[in-house]
Amino acid sequence: MTSQAFRTLIVASAAVAALSVAACSKKADESANTAAAEANAAAASADSAQSAAAAAGNAAADAAAAAAAAPAGNEATTSTTTTTTTTGNAQ
């Protein structure tokens, strides 16, 4: 093999290797970007769920406070009605 042919073979091999590395790293970058976007979406969803749970907890606490402050059934409030009927001879 002549040195010119050997050099051509080395350059061609290096070019193929460089293309392989570039193709693989580009795909890995895209996969990493996709994974990062999905992780961010999951974090946002978890944050929304946590906020909703906190709001529900606050609503339950408010309802409990309102129930404690409200009068309890008939025991707290009584009303009396008196009816008087008069009969007799009106002249």
C-alpha atoms as a PDB file:
ATOM      1  CA  MET A   1       0.000   0.000   0.000  1.00  0.00           C
ATOM      2  CA  THR A   2       1.362   3.374  -0.894  1.00  0.00           C
ATOM      3  CA  SER A   3       1.506   6.181   1.575  1.00  0.00           C
ATOM      4  CA  GLN A   4      -0.997   8.207  -0.479  1.00  0.00           C
ATOM      5  CA  ALA A   5      -3.589   5.437  -0.330  1.00  0.00           C
ATOM      6  CA  PHE A   6      -2.888   4.940   3.363  1.00  0.00           C
ATOM      7  CA  ARG A   7      -3.437   8.662   4.034  1.00  0.00           C
ATOM      8  CA  THR A   8      -6.700   8.619   2.063  1.00  0.00           C
ATOM      9  CA  LEU A   9      -7.907   5.644   4.059  1.00  0.00           C
ATOM     10  CA  ILE A  10      -7.051   7.383   7.375  1.00  0.00           C
ATOM     11  CA  VAL A  11      -8.785  10.624   6.342  1.00  0.00           C
ATOM     12  CA  ALA A  12     -11.898   8.734   5.177  1.00  0.00           C
ATOM     13  CA  SER A  13     -12.013   6.755   8.434  1.00  0.00           C
ATOM     14  CA  ALA A  14     -11.674   9.931  10.472  1.00  0.00           C
ATOM     15  CA  ALA A  15     -14.514  11.557   8.493  1.00  0.00           C
ATOM     16  CA  VAL A  16     -16.818   8.580   9.071  1.00  0.00           C
ATOM     17  CA  ALA A  17     -15.959   8.558  12.779  1.00  0.00           C
ATOM     18  CA  ALA A  18     -16.609  12.308  13.043  1.00  0.00           C
ATOM     19  CA  LEU A  19     -19.995  11.936  11.330  1.00  0.00           C
ATOM     20  CA  SER A  20     -20.936   9.077  13.658  1.00  0.00           C
ATOM     21  CA  VAL A  21     -20.023  11.055  16.749  1.00  0.00           C
ATOM     22  CA  ALA A  22     -21.890  14.127  15.495  1.00  0.00           C
ATOM     23  CA  ALA A  23     -25.017  12.112  14.692  1.00  0.00           C
ATOM     24  CA  CYS A  24     -25.028  10.352  18.049  1.00  0.00           C
ATOM     25  CA  SER A  25     -24.423  13.480  20.107  1.00  0.00           C
ATOM     26  CA  LYS A  26     -27.136  15.429  18.284  1.00  0.00           C
ATOM     27  CA  LYS A  27     -29.682  12.720  19.057  1.00  0.00           C
ATOM     28  CA  ALA A  28     -28.567  12.608  22.688  1.00  0.00           C
ATOM     29  CA  ASP A  29     -28.959  16.391  22.952  1.00  0.00           C
ATOM     30  CA  GLU A  30     -32.480  16.170  21.547  1.00  0.00           C
ATOM     31  CA  SER A  31     -33.321  13.376  23.982  1.00  0.00           C
ATOM     32  CA  ALA A  32     -31.910  15.386  26.863  1.00  0.00           C
ATOM     33  CA  ASN A  33     -33.910  18.440  25.801  1.00  0.00           C
ATOM     34  CA  THR A  34     -37.083  16.369  25.552  1.00  0.00           C
ATOM     35  CA  ALA A  35     -36.460  14.814  28.959  1.00  0.00           C
ATOM     36  CA  ALA A  36     -35.823  18.236  30.481  1.00  0.00           C
ATOM     37  CA  ALA A  37     -39.046  19.617  28.986  1.00  0.00           C
ATOM     38  CA  GLU A  38     -41.017  16.655  30.333  1.00  0.00           C
ATOM     39  CA  ALA A  39     -39.429  17.079  33.758  1.00  0.00           C
ATOM     40  CA  ASN A  40     -40.359  20.772  33.781  1.00  0.00           C
ATOM     41  CA  ALA A  41     -43.933  19.930  32.804  1.00  0.00           C
ATOM     42  CA  ALA A  42     -44.123  17.340  35.581  1.00  0.00           C
ATOM     43  CA  ALA A  43     -42.760  19.840  38.099  1.00  0.00           C
ATOM     44  CA  ALA A  44     -45.344  22.423  37.020  1.00  0.00           C
ATOM     45  CA  SER A  45     -48.103  19.825  37.339  1.00  0.00           C
ATOM     46  CA  ALA A  46     -46.888  18.844  40.805  1.00  0.00           C
ATOM     47  CA  ASP A  47     -46.819  22.508  41.809  1.00  0.00           C
ATOM     48  CA  SER A  48     -50.402  22.950  40.585  1.00  0.00           C
ATOM     49  CA  ALA A  49     -51.500  19.869  42.506  1.00  0.00           C
ATOM     50  CA  GLN A  50     -49.812  21.148  45.654  1.00  0.00           C
ATOM     51  CA  SER A  51     -51.513  24.534  45.279  1.00  0.00           C
ATOM     52  CA  ALA A  52     -54.896  22.857  44.766  1.00  0.00           C
ATOM     53  CA  ALA A  53     -54.362  20.703  47.843  1.00  0.00           C
ATOM     54  CA  ALA A  54     -53.445  23.765  49.902  1.00  0.00           C
ATOM     55  CA  ALA A  55     -56.559  25.594  48.672  1.00  0.00           C
ATOM     56  CA  ALA A  56     -58.719  22.593  49.570  1.00  0.00           C
ATOM     57  CA  GLY A  57     -57.152  22.474  53.021  1.00  0.00           C
ATOM     58  CA  ASN A  58     -57.844  26.166  53.540  1.00  0.00           C
ATOM     59  CA  ALA A  59     -61.456  25.725  52.391  1.00  0.00           C
ATOM     60  CA  ALA A  60     -61.914  22.834  54.817  1.00  0.00           C
ATOM     61  CA  ALA A  61     -60.468  24.901  57.655  1.00  0.00           C
ATOM     62  CA  ASP A  62     -62.782  27.808  56.779  1.00  0.00           C
ATOM     63  CA  ALA A  63     -65.785  25.470  56.699  1.00  0.00           C
ATOM     64  CA  ALA A  64     -64.847  24.022  60.079  1.00  0.00           C
ATOM     65  CA  ALA A  65     -64.478  27.506  61.560  1.00  0.00           C
ATOM     66  CA  ALA A  66     -67.862  28.551  60.139  1.00  0.00           C
ATOM     67  CA  ALA A  67     -69.502  25.417  61.535  1.00  0.00           C
ATOM     68  CA  ALA A  68     -67.998  26.080  64.960  1.00  0.00           C
ATOM     69  CA  ALA A  69     -69.229  29.686  64.940  1.00  0.00           C
ATOM     70  CA  ALA A  70     -72.782  28.834  63.801  1.00  0.00           C
ATOM     71  CA  PRO A  71     -75.514  28.199  66.389  1.00  0.00           C
ATOM     72  CA  ALA A  72     -76.197  24.540  67.026  1.00  0.00           C
ATOM     73  CA  GLY A  73     -79.695  23.418  65.974  1.00  0.00           C
ATOM     74  CA  ASN A  74     -82.834  24.117  68.064  1.00  0.00           C
ATOM     75  CA  GLU A  75     -80.936  24.290  71.333  1.00  0.00           C
ATOM     76  CA  ALA A  76     -79.429  27.663  70.588  1.00  0.00           C
ATOM     77  CA  THR A  77     -82.549  29.374  69.269  1.00  0.00           C
ATOM     78  CA  THR A  78     -86.065  29.146  70.707  1.00  0.00           C
ATOM     79  CA  SER A  79     -89.228  30.960  69.767  1.00  0.00           C
ATOM     80  CA  THR A  80     -92.569  31.042  71.548  1.00  0.00           C
ATOM     81  CA  THR A  81     -95.938  31.908  70.045  1.00  0.00           C
ATOM     82  CA  THR A  82     -98.892  32.713  72.296  1.00  0.00           C
ATOM     83  CA  THR A  83    -102.470  32.865  71.012  1.00  0.00           C
ATOM     84  CA  THR A  84    -105.258  34.320  73.146  1.00  0.00           C
ATOM     85  CA  THR A  85    -108.909  33.827  72.315  1.00  0.00           C
ATOM     86  CA  THR A  86    -111.617  35.796  74.078  1.00  0.00           C
ATOM     87  CA  THR A  87    -115.214  34.693  74.038  1.00  0.00           C
ATOM     88  CA  GLY A  88    -118.134  36.334  75.615  1.00  0.00           C
ATOM     89  CA  ASN A  89    -121.285  38.319  75.083  1.00  0.00           C
ATOM     90  CA  ALA A  90    -120.662  41.526  73.383  1.00  0.00           C
ATOM     91  CA  GLN A  91    -123.606  43.912  73.858  1.00  0.00           C
END
